Amino acid sequence: MKDIDVLIEALPYIKKFHDKKILIKYGGHAMVDDKAKSSTARDTVLLKYVGMKPLIVHGGGPEISRSMNKLGKQAKFIKGLRVTDEETMEIIEMVLVGKISTEIVSELIKHDGQAISLSGKDSSLIFAHKKGASKIDEELVDLGLVGEVDCINTNLLEMFLDNDYIPVISPVGIAEDGTSLNLNADTAAGEVASAIGAEKLIILTDVPGVLRDPSDPTSLIQKIKVDEIPSLIDEGIISGGMIPKIETCINAINNGVGSCHIIDGRKKHSILLEIFTTNGIGTMIYK
């Protein structure tokens, strides 16, 4: 009977999110560990079969750095942002578009999901401009071929969604002159979610969510209103690598995304638990 209870608990959510777009940002453990990769893909396909419209944006930082090392190139970061020259950009495209994206598509197909791999360059899916030199700690820093998103070609995505495909998007932008630009995967996910009017943006990470005490995994904050965020940053509760993720969530919600969820991709079935259960498992950010 317990199994039936689970289904009954899920029913209102299946109804509520029927035909809604759910953008999932794949990152961390969910992309590295084979079992987790397979499980995450299966859960994404399940969303499709219960009537939702999932889309995926993925990162690939560690894999890019590994490939750079293999090719004898040293990865260089300034304040967590990768300095990207032309050679690095070639490696980024090779890894994100040529390897990771196609691997995710293969996993989805293995679980009977129709999936298509798209780079932000395909049909100018993610149109971007080169980020100018920015002030970091009082000095001007040029990160090279790092982009900021201008607009998303939603027609292309709608066409795939209407034909039952799960789009798998690599965060590579295209500039007006055809140059490839390296995009932050979280930011790209937020921009795509906003542009297509996603009901939810789900960011898979390697932490349980936002913790009141970073050293205590049981201090998870389950729900945060957008207007509570500045004080959480002031108190240092939201800090470091969590800040850009949270900023992505704020922008997405201000641009019409229903809610954002930062969840632990290391936990089995975290996507399903977050969407289909009353308590969820990560941190939900809402208006």
C-alpha atoms as a PDB file:
ATOM      1  CA  MET A   1       0.000   0.000   0.000  1.00  0.00           C
ATOM      2  CA  LYS A   2       2.940   2.311   0.645  1.00  0.00           C
ATOM      3  CA  ASP A   3       3.610   2.346  -3.105  1.00  0.00           C
ATOM      4  CA  ILE A   4       0.054   3.465  -3.757  1.00  0.00           C
ATOM      5  CA  ASP A   5       0.374   6.253  -1.164  1.00  0.00           C
ATOM      6  CA  VAL A   6       3.392   7.539  -3.048  1.00  0.00           C
ATOM      7  CA  LEU A   7       1.353   7.729  -6.256  1.00  0.00           C
ATOM      8  CA  ILE A   8      -1.547   9.398  -4.481  1.00  0.00           C
ATOM      9  CA  GLU A   9       0.807  11.998  -2.991  1.00  0.00           C
ATOM     10  CA  ALA A  10       2.247  12.647  -6.461  1.00  0.00           C
ATOM     11  CA  LEU A  11      -1.128  13.068  -8.197  1.00  0.00           C
ATOM     12  CA  PRO A  12      -1.793  16.764  -7.362  1.00  0.00           C
ATOM     13  CA  TYR A  13       1.695  17.648  -8.596  1.00  0.00           C
ATOM     14  CA  ILE A  14       1.266  15.624 -11.787  1.00  0.00           C
ATOM     15  CA  LYS A  15      -1.963  17.560 -12.414  1.00  0.00           C
ATOM     16  CA  LYS A  16      -0.483  20.913 -11.445  1.00  0.00           C
ATOM     17  CA  PHE A  17       2.578  20.631 -13.685  1.00  0.00           C
ATOM     18  CA  HIS A  18       0.960  18.840 -16.634  1.00  0.00           C
ATOM     19  CA  ASP A  19       2.189  20.368 -19.891  1.00  0.00           C
ATOM     20  CA  LYS A  20       4.477  22.758 -17.977  1.00  0.00           C
ATOM     21  CA  LYS A  21       8.112  23.291 -18.913  1.00  0.00           C
ATOM     22  CA  ILE A  22      10.658  22.196 -16.319  1.00  0.00           C
ATOM     23  CA  LEU A  23      14.246  23.287 -16.871  1.00  0.00           C
ATOM     24  CA  ILE A  24      16.838  21.080 -15.175  1.00  0.00           C
ATOM     25  CA  LYS A  25      20.409  22.249 -14.880  1.00  0.00           C
ATOM     26  CA  TYR A  26      22.664  19.177 -14.757  1.00  0.00           C
ATOM     27  CA  GLY A  27      25.820  19.725 -12.741  1.00  0.00           C
ATOM     28  CA  GLY A  28      28.157  18.112 -10.228  1.00  0.00           C
ATOM     29  CA  HIS A  29      27.778  14.475  -9.235  1.00  0.00           C
ATOM     30  CA  ALA A  30      24.711  13.909 -11.430  1.00  0.00           C
ATOM     31  CA  MET A  31      27.012  14.241 -14.448  1.00  0.00           C
ATOM     32  CA  VAL A  32      30.131  12.485 -13.219  1.00  0.00           C
ATOM     33  CA  ASP A  33      29.096   9.229 -11.581  1.00  0.00           C
ATOM     34  CA  ASP A  34      27.736   6.620 -14.048  1.00  0.00           C
ATOM     35  CA  LYS A  35      24.959   5.377 -11.767  1.00  0.00           C
ATOM     36  CA  ALA A  36      23.867   8.921 -10.950  1.00  0.00           C
ATOM     37  CA  LYS A  37      23.974   9.859 -14.653  1.00  0.00           C
ATOM     38  CA  SER A  38      21.687   6.988 -15.535  1.00  0.00           C
ATOM     39  CA  SER A  39      19.318   7.635 -12.627  1.00  0.00           C
ATOM     40  CA  THR A  40      19.066  11.383 -13.377  1.00  0.00           C
ATOM     41  CA  ALA A  41      18.328  10.648 -17.039  1.00  0.00           C
ATOM     42  CA  ARG A  42      15.640   8.112 -16.137  1.00  0.00           C
ATOM     43  CA  ASP A  43      13.968  10.572 -13.754  1.00  0.00           C
ATOM     44  CA  THR A  44      13.994  13.242 -16.483  1.00  0.00           C
ATOM     45  CA  VAL A  45      12.331  10.834 -18.935  1.00  0.00           C
ATOM     46  CA  LEU A  46       9.732   9.993 -16.289  1.00  0.00           C
ATOM     47  CA  LEU A  47       8.768  13.692 -16.106  1.00  0.00           C
ATOM     48  CA  LYS A  48       8.216  13.552 -19.860  1.00  0.00           C
ATOM     49  CA  TYR A  49       5.992  10.483 -19.618  1.00  0.00           C
ATOM     50  CA  VAL A  50       3.786  11.963 -16.885  1.00  0.00           C
ATOM     51  CA  GLY A  51       3.071  14.929 -19.142  1.00  0.00           C
ATOM     52  CA  MET A  52       5.686  17.574 -18.352  1.00  0.00           C
ATOM     53  CA  LYS A  53       8.119  19.170 -20.783  1.00  0.00           C
ATOM     54  CA  PRO A  54      11.655  18.833 -19.408  1.00  0.00           C
ATOM     55  CA  LEU A  55      14.643  20.656 -20.899  1.00  0.00           C
ATOM     56  CA  ILE A  56      18.263  20.282 -19.826  1.00  0.00           C
ATOM     57  CA  VAL A  57      21.143  22.736 -19.668  1.00  0.00           C
ATOM     58  CA  HIS A  58      24.425  21.177 -18.530  1.00  0.00           C
ATOM     59  CA  GLY A  59      27.785  22.377 -17.332  1.00  0.00           C
ATOM     60  CA  GLY A  60      31.107  20.568 -17.488  1.00  0.00           C
ATOM     61  CA  GLY A  61      33.801  22.542 -15.691  1.00  0.00           C
ATOM     62  CA  PRO A  62      35.840  19.669 -14.196  1.00  0.00           C
ATOM     63  CA  GLU A  63      35.750  17.735 -17.481  1.00  0.00           C
ATOM     64  CA  ILE A  64      36.960  20.826 -19.383  1.00  0.00           C
ATOM     65  CA  SER A  65      39.866  21.303 -16.960  1.00  0.00           C
ATOM     66  CA  ARG A  66      40.788  17.607 -17.298  1.00  0.00           C
ATOM     67  CA  SER A  67      40.821  17.826 -21.089  1.00  0.00           C
ATOM     68  CA  MET A  68      42.910  21.005 -20.950  1.00  0.00           C
ATOM     69  CA  ASN A  69      45.469  19.229 -18.750  1.00  0.00           C
ATOM     70  CA  LYS A  70      45.598  16.292 -21.169  1.00  0.00           C
ATOM     71  CA  LEU A  71      46.300  18.727 -23.989  1.00  0.00           C
ATOM     72  CA  GLY A  72      49.017  20.401 -21.918  1.00  0.00           C
ATOM     73  CA  LYS A  73      47.073  23.586 -21.241  1.00  0.00           C
ATOM     74  CA  GLN A  74      46.777  25.110 -17.789  1.00  0.00           C
ATOM     75  CA  ALA A  75      43.282  26.199 -16.720  1.00  0.00           C
ATOM     76  CA  LYS A  76      43.260  29.706 -15.288  1.00  0.00           C
ATOM     77  CA  PHE A  77      40.487  31.146 -13.119  1.00  0.00           C
ATOM     78  CA  ILE A  78      39.852  34.642 -11.819  1.00  0.00           C
ATOM     79  CA  LYS A  79      37.277  34.776  -9.007  1.00  0.00           C
ATOM     80  CA  GLY A  80      35.845  31.454 -10.131  1.00  0.00           C
ATOM     81  CA  LEU A  81      35.486  32.507 -13.770  1.00  0.00           C
ATOM     82  CA  ARG A  82      37.478  30.649 -16.431  1.00  0.00           C
ATOM     83  CA  VAL A  83      39.806  32.780 -18.519  1.00  0.00           C
ATOM     84  CA  THR A  84      38.970  31.731 -22.081  1.00  0.00           C
ATOM     85  CA  ASP A  85      41.333  32.250 -25.021  1.00  0.00           C
ATOM     86  CA  GLU A  86      40.645  30.815 -28.492  1.00  0.00           C
ATOM     87  CA  GLU A  87      42.368  27.515 -27.805  1.00  0.00           C
ATOM     88  CA  THR A  88      40.491  27.086 -24.507  1.00  0.00           C
ATOM     89  CA  MET A  89      37.211  27.885 -26.305  1.00  0.00           C
ATOM     90  CA  GLU A  90      37.906  25.093 -28.817  1.00  0.00           C
ATOM     91  CA  ILE A  91      38.446  22.646 -25.953  1.00  0.00           C
ATOM     92  CA  ILE A  92      35.281  23.861 -24.202  1.00  0.00           C
ATOM     93  CA  GLU A  93      33.192  23.241 -27.332  1.00  0.00           C
ATOM     94  CA  MET A  94      34.810  19.874 -27.893  1.00  0.00           C
ATOM     95  CA  VAL A  95      34.004  18.753 -24.337  1.00  0.00           C
ATOM     96  CA  LEU A  96      30.552  20.332 -23.853  1.00  0.00           C
ATOM     97  CA  VAL A  97      29.071  19.861 -27.314  1.00  0.00           C
ATOM     98  CA  GLY A  98      31.039  16.881 -28.573  1.00  0.00           C
ATOM     99  CA  LYS A  99      31.211  14.769 -25.439  1.00  0.00           C
ATOM    100  CA  ILE A 100      28.995  15.681 -22.476  1.00  0.00           C
ATOM    101  CA  SER A 101      25.902  16.694 -24.433  1.00  0.00           C
ATOM    102  CA  THR A 102      25.915  13.549 -26.565  1.00  0.00           C
ATOM    103  CA  GLU A 103      26.489  11.373 -23.487  1.00  0.00           C
ATOM    104  CA  ILE A 104      23.421  12.873 -21.789  1.00  0.00           C
ATOM    105  CA  VAL A 105      21.374  12.325 -24.967  1.00  0.00           C
ATOM    106  CA  SER A 106      22.518   8.671 -25.081  1.00  0.00           C
ATOM    107  CA  GLU A 107      21.405   8.166 -21.462  1.00  0.00           C
ATOM    108  CA  LEU A 108      17.992   9.705 -22.145  1.00  0.00           C
ATOM    109  CA  ILE A 109      17.518   7.552 -25.256  1.00  0.00           C
ATOM    110  CA  LYS A 110      18.512   4.458 -23.276  1.00  0.00           C
ATOM    111  CA  HIS A 111      15.497   5.181 -21.045  1.00  0.00           C
ATOM    112  CA  ASP A 112      13.205   5.713 -24.060  1.00  0.00           C
ATOM    113  CA  GLY A 113      13.275   9.497 -24.078  1.00  0.00           C
ATOM    114  CA  GLN A 114      13.537  11.278 -27.408  1.00  0.00           C
ATOM    115  CA  ALA A 115      16.374  13.724 -26.916  1.00  0.00           C
ATOM    116  CA  ILE A 116      18.314  16.150 -29.063  1.00  0.00           C
ATOM    117  CA  SER A 117      21.682  17.740 -28.378  1.00  0.00           C
ATOM    118  CA  LEU A 118      21.857  21.477 -29.047  1.00  0.00           C
ATOM    119  CA  SER A 119      24.684  23.931 -28.679  1.00  0.00           C
ATOM    120  CA  GLY A 120      23.794  27.541 -27.980  1.00  0.00           C
ATOM    121  CA  LYS A 121      25.222  28.181 -31.461  1.00  0.00           C
ATOM    122  CA  ASP A 122      22.688  25.992 -33.266  1.00  0.00           C
ATOM    123  CA  SER A 123      20.307  28.289 -35.116  1.00  0.00           C
ATOM    124  CA  SER A 124      21.545  31.122 -32.825  1.00  0.00           C
ATOM    125  CA  LEU A 125      19.824  29.403 -29.916  1.00  0.00           C
ATOM    126  CA  ILE A 126      21.766  31.495 -27.378  1.00  0.00           C
ATOM    127  CA  PHE A 127      22.766  34.836 -28.821  1.00  0.00           C
ATOM    128  CA  ALA A 128      25.411  36.525 -26.683  1.00  0.00           C
ATOM    129  CA  HIS A 129      28.021  39.281 -26.586  1.00  0.00           C
ATOM    130  CA  LYS A 130      31.540  39.202 -25.210  1.00  0.00           C
ATOM    131  CA  LYS A 131      31.631  40.344 -21.609  1.00  0.00           C
ATOM    132  CA  GLY A 132      33.806  43.424 -21.422  1.00  0.00           C
ATOM    133  CA  ALA A 133      36.682  43.788 -18.999  1.00  0.00           C
ATOM    134  CA  SER A 134      35.210  43.936 -15.524  1.00  0.00           C
ATOM    135  CA  LYS A 135      36.488  45.266 -12.233  1.00  0.00           C
ATOM    136  CA  ILE A 136      37.392  42.444  -9.876  1.00  0.00           C
ATOM    137  CA  ASP A 137      38.887  43.596  -6.590  1.00  0.00           C
ATOM    138  CA  GLU A 138      39.715  47.033  -7.969  1.00  0.00           C
ATOM    139  CA  GLU A 139      41.595  45.784 -11.036  1.00  0.00           C
ATOM    140  CA  LEU A 140      40.300  45.525 -14.596  1.00  0.00           C
ATOM    141  CA  VAL A 141      40.225  41.924 -15.777  1.00  0.00           C
ATOM    142  CA  ASP A 142      39.425  40.657 -19.264  1.00  0.00           C
ATOM    143  CA  LEU A 143      38.313  37.032 -19.184  1.00  0.00           C
ATOM    144  CA  GLY A 144      38.586  36.611 -22.970  1.00  0.00           C
ATOM    145  CA  LEU A 145      35.839  34.765 -24.832  1.00  0.00           C
ATOM    146  CA  VAL A 146      33.337  34.792 -21.973  1.00  0.00           C
ATOM    147  CA  GLY A 147      29.828  35.785 -22.979  1.00  0.00           C
ATOM    148  CA  GLU A 148      26.714  37.368 -21.555  1.00  0.00           C
ATOM    149  CA  VAL A 149      23.357  36.247 -22.933  1.00  0.00           C
ATOM    150  CA  ASP A 150      21.379  38.687 -25.102  1.00  0.00           C
ATOM    151  CA  CYS A 151      18.482  36.535 -26.256  1.00  0.00           C
ATOM    152  CA  ILE A 152      17.273  32.959 -26.667  1.00  0.00           C
ATOM    153  CA  ASN A 153      15.756  31.533 -29.852  1.00  0.00           C
ATOM    154  CA  THR A 154      12.654  30.119 -28.196  1.00  0.00           C
ATOM    155  CA  ASN A 155      11.048  29.108 -31.520  1.00  0.00           C
ATOM    156  CA  LEU A 156      13.640  26.373 -31.933  1.00  0.00           C
ATOM    157  CA  LEU A 157      13.019  25.040 -28.415  1.00  0.00           C
ATOM    158  CA  GLU A 158       9.236  25.210 -28.780  1.00  0.00           C
ATOM    159  CA  MET A 159       9.492  23.241 -32.021  1.00  0.00           C
ATOM    160  CA  PHE A 160      11.379  20.429 -30.283  1.00  0.00           C
ATOM    161  CA  LEU A 161       9.129  20.456 -27.209  1.00  0.00           C
ATOM    162  CA  ASP A 162       5.977  20.355 -29.370  1.00  0.00           C
ATOM    163  CA  ASN A 163       7.392  17.282 -31.081  1.00  0.00           C
ATOM    164  CA  ASP A 164       8.112  15.488 -27.797  1.00  0.00           C
ATOM    165  CA  TYR A 165      11.877  15.967 -27.719  1.00  0.00           C
ATOM    166  CA  ILE A 166      13.926  16.693 -24.620  1.00  0.00           C
ATOM    167  CA  PRO A 167      16.407  19.414 -25.661  1.00  0.00           C
ATOM    168  CA  VAL A 168      19.889  19.041 -24.126  1.00  0.00           C
ATOM    169  CA  ILE A 169      21.637  22.401 -24.320  1.00  0.00           C
ATOM    170  CA  SER A 170      25.376  23.160 -24.054  1.00  0.00           C
ATOM    171  CA  PRO A 171      26.144  26.605 -22.596  1.00  0.00           C
ATOM    172  CA  VAL A 172      28.040  27.941 -25.608  1.00  0.00           C
ATOM    173  CA  GLY A 173      26.809  31.248 -27.003  1.00  0.00           C
ATOM    174  CA  ILE A 174      27.208  32.744 -30.465  1.00  0.00           C
ATOM    175  CA  ALA A 175      28.179  36.381 -31.016  1.00  0.00           C
ATOM    176  CA  GLU A 176      27.047  38.580 -33.889  1.00  0.00           C
ATOM    177  CA  ASP A 177      30.257  37.851 -35.825  1.00  0.00           C
ATOM    178  CA  GLY A 178      29.858  34.077 -35.335  1.00  0.00           C
ATOM    179  CA  THR A 179      32.409  33.786 -32.525  1.00  0.00           C
ATOM    180  CA  SER A 180      31.787  31.097 -29.905  1.00  0.00           C
ATOM    181  CA  LEU A 181      31.480  32.356 -26.344  1.00  0.00           C
ATOM    182  CA  ASN A 182      31.860  30.478 -23.077  1.00  0.00           C
ATOM    183  CA  LEU A 183      28.773  30.952 -20.867  1.00  0.00           C
ATOM    184  CA  ASN A 184      28.241  30.212 -17.200  1.00  0.00           C
ATOM    185  CA  ALA A 185      25.973  27.143 -17.211  1.00  0.00           C
ATOM    186  CA  ASP A 186      23.817  28.311 -14.281  1.00  0.00           C
ATOM    187  CA  THR A 187      23.274  31.696 -15.906  1.00  0.00           C
ATOM    188  CA  ALA A 188      22.465  30.084 -19.273  1.00  0.00           C
ATOM    189  CA  ALA A 189      19.957  27.762 -17.550  1.00  0.00           C
ATOM    190  CA  GLY A 190      18.252  30.751 -15.891  1.00  0.00           C
ATOM    191  CA  GLU A 191      18.084  32.670 -19.171  1.00  0.00           C
ATOM    192  CA  VAL A 192      16.584  29.704 -21.061  1.00  0.00           C
ATOM    193  CA  ALA A 193      14.086  29.034 -18.252  1.00  0.00           C
ATOM    194  CA  SER A 194      12.971  32.698 -18.304  1.00  0.00           C
ATOM    195  CA  ALA A 195      12.746  32.899 -22.087  1.00  0.00           C
ATOM    196  CA  ILE A 196      10.534  29.824 -22.488  1.00  0.00           C
ATOM    197  CA  GLY A 197       8.396  30.583 -19.434  1.00  0.00           C
ATOM    198  CA  ALA A 198       9.405  27.524 -17.412  1.00  0.00           C
ATOM    199  CA  GLU A 199       7.295  26.621 -14.396  1.00  0.00           C
ATOM    200  CA  LYS A 200      10.399  25.474 -12.518  1.00  0.00           C
ATOM    201  CA  LEU A 201      14.159  25.808 -12.713  1.00  0.00           C
ATOM    202  CA  ILE A 202      15.884  22.948 -10.914  1.00  0.00           C
ATOM    203  CA  ILE A 203      19.626  23.246 -10.289  1.00  0.00           C
ATOM    204  CA  LEU A 204      21.389  19.989  -9.426  1.00  0.00           C
ATOM    205  CA  THR A 205      24.404  20.562  -7.170  1.00  0.00           C
ATOM    206  CA  ASP A 206      26.618  18.641  -4.762  1.00  0.00           C
ATOM    207  CA  VAL A 207      25.130  20.212  -1.627  1.00  0.00           C
ATOM    208  CA  PRO A 208      21.747  19.581   0.047  1.00  0.00           C
ATOM    209  CA  GLY A 209      20.610  23.135  -0.779  1.00  0.00           C
ATOM    210  CA  VAL A 210      21.075  26.367   1.181  1.00  0.00           C
ATOM    211  CA  LEU A 211      22.285  25.522   4.686  1.00  0.00           C
ATOM    212  CA  ARG A 212      21.899  27.832   7.676  1.00  0.00           C
ATOM    213  CA  ASP A 213      25.189  26.379   8.910  1.00  0.00           C
ATOM    214  CA  PRO A 214      27.406  25.166   6.029  1.00  0.00           C
ATOM    215  CA  SER A 215      29.042  22.549   8.273  1.00  0.00           C
ATOM    216  CA  ASP A 216      25.688  21.071   9.321  1.00  0.00           C
ATOM    217  CA  PRO A 217      23.795  19.243   6.535  1.00  0.00           C
ATOM    218  CA  THR A 218      20.666  19.092   8.718  1.00  0.00           C
ATOM    219  CA  SER A 219      20.361  22.902   8.777  1.00  0.00           C
ATOM    220  CA  LEU A 220      18.720  23.010   5.331  1.00  0.00           C
ATOM    221  CA  ILE A 221      16.518  26.027   4.642  1.00  0.00           C
ATOM    222  CA  GLN A 222      13.603  24.513   2.699  1.00  0.00           C
ATOM    223  CA  LYS A 223      11.955  27.689   1.451  1.00  0.00           C
ATOM    224  CA  ILE A 224      13.347  31.153   0.791  1.00  0.00           C
ATOM    225  CA  LYS A 225      11.377  34.134  -0.476  1.00  0.00           C
ATOM    226  CA  VAL A 226      13.224  36.305  -2.979  1.00  0.00           C
ATOM    227  CA  ASP A 227      13.077  39.318  -0.654  1.00  0.00           C
ATOM    228  CA  GLU A 228      14.736  37.347   2.179  1.00  0.00           C
ATOM    229  CA  ILE A 229      17.860  36.716   0.099  1.00  0.00           C
ATOM    230  CA  PRO A 230      19.778  40.008   0.651  1.00  0.00           C
ATOM    231  CA  SER A 231      19.770  39.547   4.431  1.00  0.00           C
ATOM    232  CA  LEU A 232      20.887  35.897   4.077  1.00  0.00           C
ATOM    233  CA  ILE A 233      23.823  37.128   1.964  1.00  0.00           C
ATOM    234  CA  ASP A 234      24.616  39.851   4.534  1.00  0.00           C
ATOM    235  CA  GLU A 235      24.610  37.262   7.310  1.00  0.00           C
ATOM    236  CA  GLY A 236      27.006  35.117   5.277  1.00  0.00           C
ATOM    237  CA  ILE A 237      24.527  32.205   5.133  1.00  0.00           C
ATOM    238  CA  ILE A 238      24.519  32.425   1.334  1.00  0.00           C
ATOM    239  CA  SER A 239      28.149  32.802   0.276  1.00  0.00           C
ATOM    240  CA  GLY A 240      30.858  31.678  -2.146  1.00  0.00           C
ATOM    241  CA  GLY A 241      29.731  29.485  -5.046  1.00  0.00           C
ATOM    242  CA  MET A 242      26.123  29.586  -3.866  1.00  0.00           C
ATOM    243  CA  ILE A 243      25.809  33.326  -4.627  1.00  0.00           C
ATOM    244  CA  PRO A 244      25.849  33.031  -8.462  1.00  0.00           C
ATOM    245  CA  LYS A 245      23.336  30.156  -8.275  1.00  0.00           C
ATOM    246  CA  ILE A 246      21.036  32.234  -6.082  1.00  0.00           C
ATOM    247  CA  GLU A 247      21.430  35.269  -8.362  1.00  0.00           C
ATOM    248  CA  THR A 248      20.419  33.058 -11.287  1.00  0.00           C
ATOM    249  CA  CYS A 249      17.306  32.019  -9.324  1.00  0.00           C
ATOM    250  CA  ILE A 250      16.381  35.629  -8.452  1.00  0.00           C
ATOM    251  CA  ASN A 251      16.665  36.717 -12.102  1.00  0.00           C
ATOM    252  CA  ALA A 252      14.640  33.732 -13.301  1.00  0.00           C
ATOM    253  CA  ILE A 253      11.827  34.396 -10.819  1.00  0.00           C
ATOM    254  CA  ASN A 254      11.797  38.115 -11.616  1.00  0.00           C
ATOM    255  CA  ASN A 255      11.433  37.095 -15.264  1.00  0.00           C
ATOM    256  CA  GLY A 256       8.406  34.881 -14.717  1.00  0.00           C
ATOM    257  CA  VAL A 257       9.744  31.440 -13.746  1.00  0.00           C
ATOM    258  CA  GLY A 258       7.355  29.949 -11.151  1.00  0.00           C
ATOM    259  CA  SER A 259       9.917  28.669  -8.644  1.00  0.00           C
ATOM    260  CA  CYS A 260      13.585  27.670  -8.466  1.00  0.00           C
ATOM    261  CA  HIS A 261      15.000  24.684  -6.634  1.00  0.00           C
ATOM    262  CA  ILE A 262      18.582  24.026  -5.565  1.00  0.00           C
ATOM    263  CA  ILE A 263      18.825  20.315  -4.866  1.00  0.00           C
ATOM    264  CA  ASP A 264      21.376  17.599  -4.159  1.00  0.00           C
ATOM    265  CA  GLY A 265      22.147  15.628  -7.315  1.00  0.00           C
ATOM    266  CA  ARG A 266      24.012  13.041  -5.208  1.00  0.00           C
ATOM    267  CA  LYS A 267      20.704  11.883  -3.700  1.00  0.00           C
ATOM    268  CA  LYS A 268      18.860   9.219  -5.633  1.00  0.00           C
ATOM    269  CA  HIS A 269      15.748  10.500  -7.423  1.00  0.00           C
ATOM    270  CA  SER A 270      16.256  14.016  -6.065  1.00  0.00           C
ATOM    271  CA  ILE A 271      14.378  15.565  -9.020  1.00  0.00           C
ATOM    272  CA  LEU A 272      11.305  13.393  -8.438  1.00  0.00           C
ATOM    273  CA  LEU A 273      11.362  13.943  -4.678  1.00  0.00           C
ATOM    274  CA  GLU A 274      11.527  17.699  -5.187  1.00  0.00           C
ATOM    275  CA  ILE A 275       8.664  17.839  -7.698  1.00  0.00           C
ATOM    276  CA  PHE A 276       6.310  15.112  -6.481  1.00  0.00           C
ATOM    277  CA  THR A 277       6.436  15.249  -2.687  1.00  0.00           C
ATOM    278  CA  THR A 278       4.964  17.758  -0.290  1.00  0.00           C
ATOM    279  CA  ASN A 279       8.224  18.348   1.587  1.00  0.00           C
ATOM    280  CA  GLY A 280      10.637  18.240  -1.337  1.00  0.00           C
ATOM    281  CA  ILE A 281      14.324  17.740  -0.567  1.00  0.00           C
ATOM    282  CA  GLY A 282      16.248  20.901  -1.411  1.00  0.00           C
ATOM    283  CA  THR A 283      15.815  24.644  -1.122  1.00  0.00           C
ATOM    284  CA  MET A 284      12.938  26.237  -2.998  1.00  0.00           C
ATOM    285  CA  ILE A 285      13.152  29.904  -3.941  1.00  0.00           C
ATOM    286  CA  TYR A 286       9.904  31.695  -4.769  1.00  0.00           C
ATOM    287  CA  LYS A 287       8.347  35.123  -4.972  1.00  0.00           C
END
